[in-house]
Amino acid sequence: CVDCYYITRKDTTLLVCGGDDGNIHLYKQGLDNNYEIALSLSGHEDWIRDVQFTQEDNGDILLATCSQDTYIRLWRIAKTTATKDGDIELKLKGNQFSVF
């Protein structure tokens, strides 16, 4: 499964794909419009059934993933400061949430 998310402030696109190995791969669009791997996320134990992006008001991106292992996982992805050449760096900010 695949989803993409356009970041308007940075004029770039994120692409996420999940497969039968249980891993989620996040790609970012480079300055040459090619995609390069930004993050690989592990945590599911079976194939990925769906992935969806949303963005919070503070700029963090939430990625929801669901798997055949019957779990839904939420991943908070934070943008870091831009590099010298203006490229965007991403990091996994956290993947643990409290339920009230």
Protein backbone atom coordinates (compact mmCIF):
# COMPACT_ATOMS: atom_id res chain seq x y z
CA CYS A 1 0.00 0.00 0.00
CA VAL A 2 1.13 3.55 -0.75
CA ASP A 3 0.18 7.08 0.31
CA CYS A 4 1.73 10.46 -0.37
CA TYR A 5 1.62 13.77 1.49
CA TYR A 6 2.44 17.20 0.10
CA ILE A 7 4.14 19.61 2.54
CA THR A 8 3.12 23.04 1.28
CA ARG A 9 5.59 25.08 3.34
CA LYS A 10 8.53 23.07 1.99
CA ASP A 11 7.12 22.43 -1.50
CA THR A 12 7.98 18.75 -1.27
CA THR A 13 6.19 15.42 -1.17
CA LEU A 14 6.53 12.49 1.22
CA LEU A 15 5.78 8.99 -0.01
CA VAL A 16 5.14 6.05 2.30
CA CYS A 17 4.82 2.42 1.36
CA GLY A 18 4.23 -0.72 3.35
CA GLY A 19 4.66 -4.25 2.17
CA ASP A 20 4.54 -7.86 3.13
CA ASP A 21 7.67 -7.69 5.31
CA GLY A 22 5.92 -5.66 8.04
CA ASN A 23 8.13 -2.60 7.52
CA ILE A 24 7.08 0.91 6.52
CA HIS A 25 9.36 2.90 4.24
CA LEU A 26 9.14 6.68 4.08
CA TYR A 27 10.65 8.53 1.11
CA LYS A 28 11.13 12.26 0.60
CA GLN A 29 11.26 14.10 -2.67
CA GLY A 30 14.70 15.52 -3.35
CA LEU A 31 15.64 18.73 -5.12
CA ASP A 32 16.03 16.76 -8.37
CA ASN A 33 12.43 15.44 -7.98
CA ASN A 34 13.69 11.90 -7.33
CA TYR A 35 12.65 10.12 -4.14
CA GLU A 36 15.16 8.96 -1.55
CA ILE A 37 14.63 6.89 1.58
CA ALA A 38 14.15 9.06 4.67
CA LEU A 39 13.02 6.56 7.33
CA SER A 40 12.33 2.85 7.68
CA LEU A 41 9.93 1.97 10.48
CA SER A 42 9.53 -1.46 12.02
CA GLY A 43 6.99 -2.57 14.60
CA HIS A 44 4.38 -4.61 12.76
CA GLU A 45 4.63 -8.39 12.70
CA ASP A 46 2.73 -9.06 9.47
CA TRP A 47 2.05 -7.40 6.13
CA ILE A 48 0.91 -3.77 6.04
CA ARG A 49 -2.71 -3.31 4.94
CA ASP A 50 -2.96 0.51 4.84
CA VAL A 51 -1.06 3.74 5.51
CA GLN A 52 -2.45 7.28 5.92
CA PHE A 53 -0.90 10.71 6.62
CA THR A 54 -2.25 13.73 8.49
CA GLN A 55 -0.56 16.87 9.81
CA GLU A 56 -0.98 18.51 13.21
CA ASP A 57 -1.13 22.27 13.77
CA ASN A 58 2.45 22.29 15.13
CA GLY A 59 3.77 20.89 11.83
CA ASP A 60 4.36 17.32 13.00
CA ILE A 61 3.11 14.65 10.64
CA LEU A 62 1.17 11.67 11.95
CA LEU A 63 1.31 8.42 10.04
CA ALA A 64 -1.28 5.75 10.82
CA THR A 65 -0.47 2.22 9.73
CA CYS A 66 -2.51 -0.95 10.08
CA SER A 67 -1.36 -4.48 9.57
CA GLN A 68 -2.60 -8.02 9.24
CA ASP A 69 -1.20 -8.46 12.79
CA THR A 70 -4.43 -6.64 13.93
CA TYR A 71 -2.58 -3.58 15.27
CA ILE A 72 -2.95 0.05 14.28
CA ARG A 73 0.16 2.08 14.95
CA LEU A 74 0.52 5.86 15.03
CA TRP A 75 3.90 7.33 14.17
CA ARG A 76 4.74 10.97 14.93
CA ILE A 77 7.23 12.27 12.41
CA ALA A 78 8.86 15.62 13.11
CA LYS A 79 10.71 17.76 10.64
CA THR A 80 14.15 18.82 11.69
CA THR A 81 15.94 21.95 10.60
CA ALA A 82 16.81 22.18 6.94
CA THR A 83 20.32 21.31 5.87
CA LYS A 84 22.70 23.80 4.28
CA ASP A 85 21.42 22.98 0.82
CA GLY A 86 17.79 23.50 1.92
CA ASP A 87 16.95 19.79 2.00
CA ILE A 88 14.49 18.54 4.65
CA GLU A 89 15.50 16.01 7.26
CA LEU A 90 12.87 13.91 9.04
CA LYS A 91 13.05 11.93 12.26
CA LEU A 92 10.73 9.69 14.19
CA LYS A 93 9.67 11.81 17.16
CA GLY A 94 7.83 9.06 18.98
CA ASN A 95 5.48 6.19 18.51
CA GLN A 96 3.96 5.82 21.95
CA PHE A 97 0.64 7.43 22.77
CA SER A 98 -1.51 7.46 25.87
CA VAL A 99 -5.16 6.53 25.70
CA PHE A 100 -7.37 8.38 28.17
